[in-house]
Amino acid sequence: ATPEHQLSEPRILAIARSSGLDVARLRRDMAAPEIAAKIAANIDLAHKIGITGTPGVIILGPDARTDRLLAGAVPYAALESEIRRARGAQAMVGRSAPLLPPER
């Protein structure tokens, strides 16, 4: 993220405090090398598979050739359509239950 899109530490802590999080633990976690290593590994993996921002959704098909990456926000109908595609059209015939919970 570019600097203008990054949250400052005071803003992060204010959001955490207003959300009822344990701010002392958050401060410890933010300074912990093992947490930084996990975040760096996740960022590296995301870049390797083409995710450059959030949200990013990976829909796994029956094999790697049918896996699908949806980058950015997508409409509910598009997400549901991709899930249906991944599951296979034949398997969905006659299904009446929704694939995803209703939008709020």
Protein backbone atom coordinates (compact mmCIF):
# COMPACT_ATOMS: atom_id res chain seq x y z
CA ALA A 1 0.00 0.00 0.00
CA THR A 2 1.12 3.49 -0.65
CA PRO A 3 1.78 5.73 2.37
CA GLU A 4 -1.43 7.70 1.85
CA HIS A 5 -3.40 4.44 2.09
CA GLN A 6 -1.70 3.14 5.21
CA LEU A 7 -3.16 3.65 8.66
CA SER A 8 -0.96 5.32 11.24
CA GLU A 9 -0.21 3.43 14.44
CA PRO A 10 -2.20 5.92 16.57
CA ARG A 11 -5.21 5.44 14.26
CA ILE A 12 -4.88 1.63 14.43
CA LEU A 13 -4.74 1.75 18.23
CA ALA A 14 -7.72 4.11 18.39
CA ILE A 15 -9.76 1.74 16.20
CA ALA A 16 -8.69 -1.21 18.35
CA ARG A 17 -9.62 0.62 21.55
CA SER A 18 -13.03 1.66 20.21
CA SER A 19 -13.64 -1.95 19.11
CA GLY A 20 -12.93 -3.29 22.58
CA LEU A 21 -9.70 -5.07 21.68
CA ASP A 22 -6.86 -5.63 24.13
CA VAL A 23 -4.66 -2.70 23.07
CA ALA A 24 -1.70 -3.80 25.21
CA ARG A 25 -1.68 -7.19 23.49
CA LEU A 26 -2.05 -5.55 20.10
CA ARG A 27 1.01 -3.39 20.83
CA ARG A 28 3.00 -6.51 21.82
CA ASP A 29 1.84 -8.38 18.73
CA MET A 30 2.70 -5.44 16.48
CA ALA A 31 6.27 -5.52 17.81
CA ALA A 32 6.69 -9.32 17.80
CA PRO A 33 9.17 -10.64 15.19
CA GLU A 34 7.23 -13.91 14.79
CA ILE A 35 4.06 -11.99 13.88
CA ALA A 36 6.02 -9.84 11.41
CA ALA A 37 7.45 -13.03 9.84
CA LYS A 38 3.96 -14.54 9.41
CA ILE A 39 2.67 -11.35 7.83
CA ALA A 40 5.66 -11.18 5.47
CA ALA A 41 5.12 -14.82 4.44
CA ASN A 42 1.43 -14.16 3.76
CA ILE A 43 2.24 -11.07 1.68
CA ASP A 44 4.84 -13.05 -0.29
CA LEU A 45 2.36 -15.86 -0.96
CA ALA A 46 -0.34 -13.39 -1.99
CA HIS A 47 2.00 -11.75 -4.51
CA LYS A 48 3.05 -15.13 -5.90
CA ILE A 49 -0.55 -16.07 -6.66
CA GLY A 50 -1.56 -12.64 -7.95
CA ILE A 51 -3.31 -11.05 -4.99
CA THR A 52 -2.20 -7.43 -4.71
CA GLY A 53 -4.88 -6.06 -2.40
CA THR A 54 -8.00 -6.84 -0.48
CA PRO A 55 -10.41 -8.37 -0.85
CA GLY A 56 -9.09 -11.31 -2.77
CA VAL A 57 -11.09 -14.53 -3.02
CA ILE A 58 -9.76 -17.84 -4.27
CA ILE A 59 -12.37 -20.32 -5.43
CA LEU A 60 -10.99 -23.83 -5.66
CA GLY A 61 -12.28 -26.01 -8.44
CA PRO A 62 -11.98 -29.77 -8.74
CA ASP A 63 -8.37 -29.33 -9.93
CA ALA A 64 -5.80 -26.55 -10.19
CA ARG A 65 -6.80 -25.78 -13.80
CA THR A 66 -10.22 -24.65 -12.61
CA ASP A 67 -9.13 -22.60 -9.58
CA ARG A 68 -10.16 -18.97 -9.87
CA LEU A 69 -8.85 -15.77 -8.28
CA LEU A 70 -11.32 -12.91 -7.89
CA ALA A 71 -9.39 -9.75 -7.14
CA GLY A 72 -11.19 -6.83 -5.56
CA ALA A 73 -14.78 -6.48 -4.51
CA VAL A 74 -17.17 -8.45 -6.67
CA PRO A 75 -20.97 -8.38 -6.70
CA TYR A 76 -22.75 -11.12 -4.78
CA ALA A 77 -24.22 -12.55 -7.98
CA ALA A 78 -20.77 -12.82 -9.59
CA LEU A 79 -19.36 -14.59 -6.54
CA GLU A 80 -22.28 -17.01 -6.47
CA SER A 81 -21.88 -17.63 -10.20
CA GLU A 82 -18.20 -18.47 -9.79
CA ILE A 83 -18.99 -20.88 -6.95
CA ARG A 84 -21.63 -22.55 -9.09
CA ARG A 85 -19.16 -22.82 -11.96
CA ALA A 86 -16.54 -24.36 -9.69
CA ARG A 87 -18.97 -26.90 -8.29
CA GLY A 88 -20.16 -27.85 -11.75
CA ALA A 89 -23.47 -26.99 -13.36
CA GLN A 90 -24.76 -30.57 -13.24
CA ALA A 91 -24.28 -30.81 -9.48
CA MET A 92 -26.35 -27.65 -8.98
CA VAL A 93 -29.47 -28.71 -10.89
CA GLY A 94 -32.48 -28.68 -8.58
CA ARG A 95 -30.60 -27.10 -5.66
CA SER A 96 -32.86 -24.72 -3.78
CA ALA A 97 -30.62 -23.66 -0.88
CA PRO A 98 -28.51 -20.53 -1.43
CA LEU A 99 -24.76 -20.97 -1.82
CA LEU A 100 -23.93 -17.97 0.33
CA PRO A 101 -25.73 -16.32 3.22
CA PRO A 102 -28.00 -13.45 2.17
CA GLU A 103 -26.46 -10.01 1.88
CA ARG A 104 -27.03 -7.67 4.79
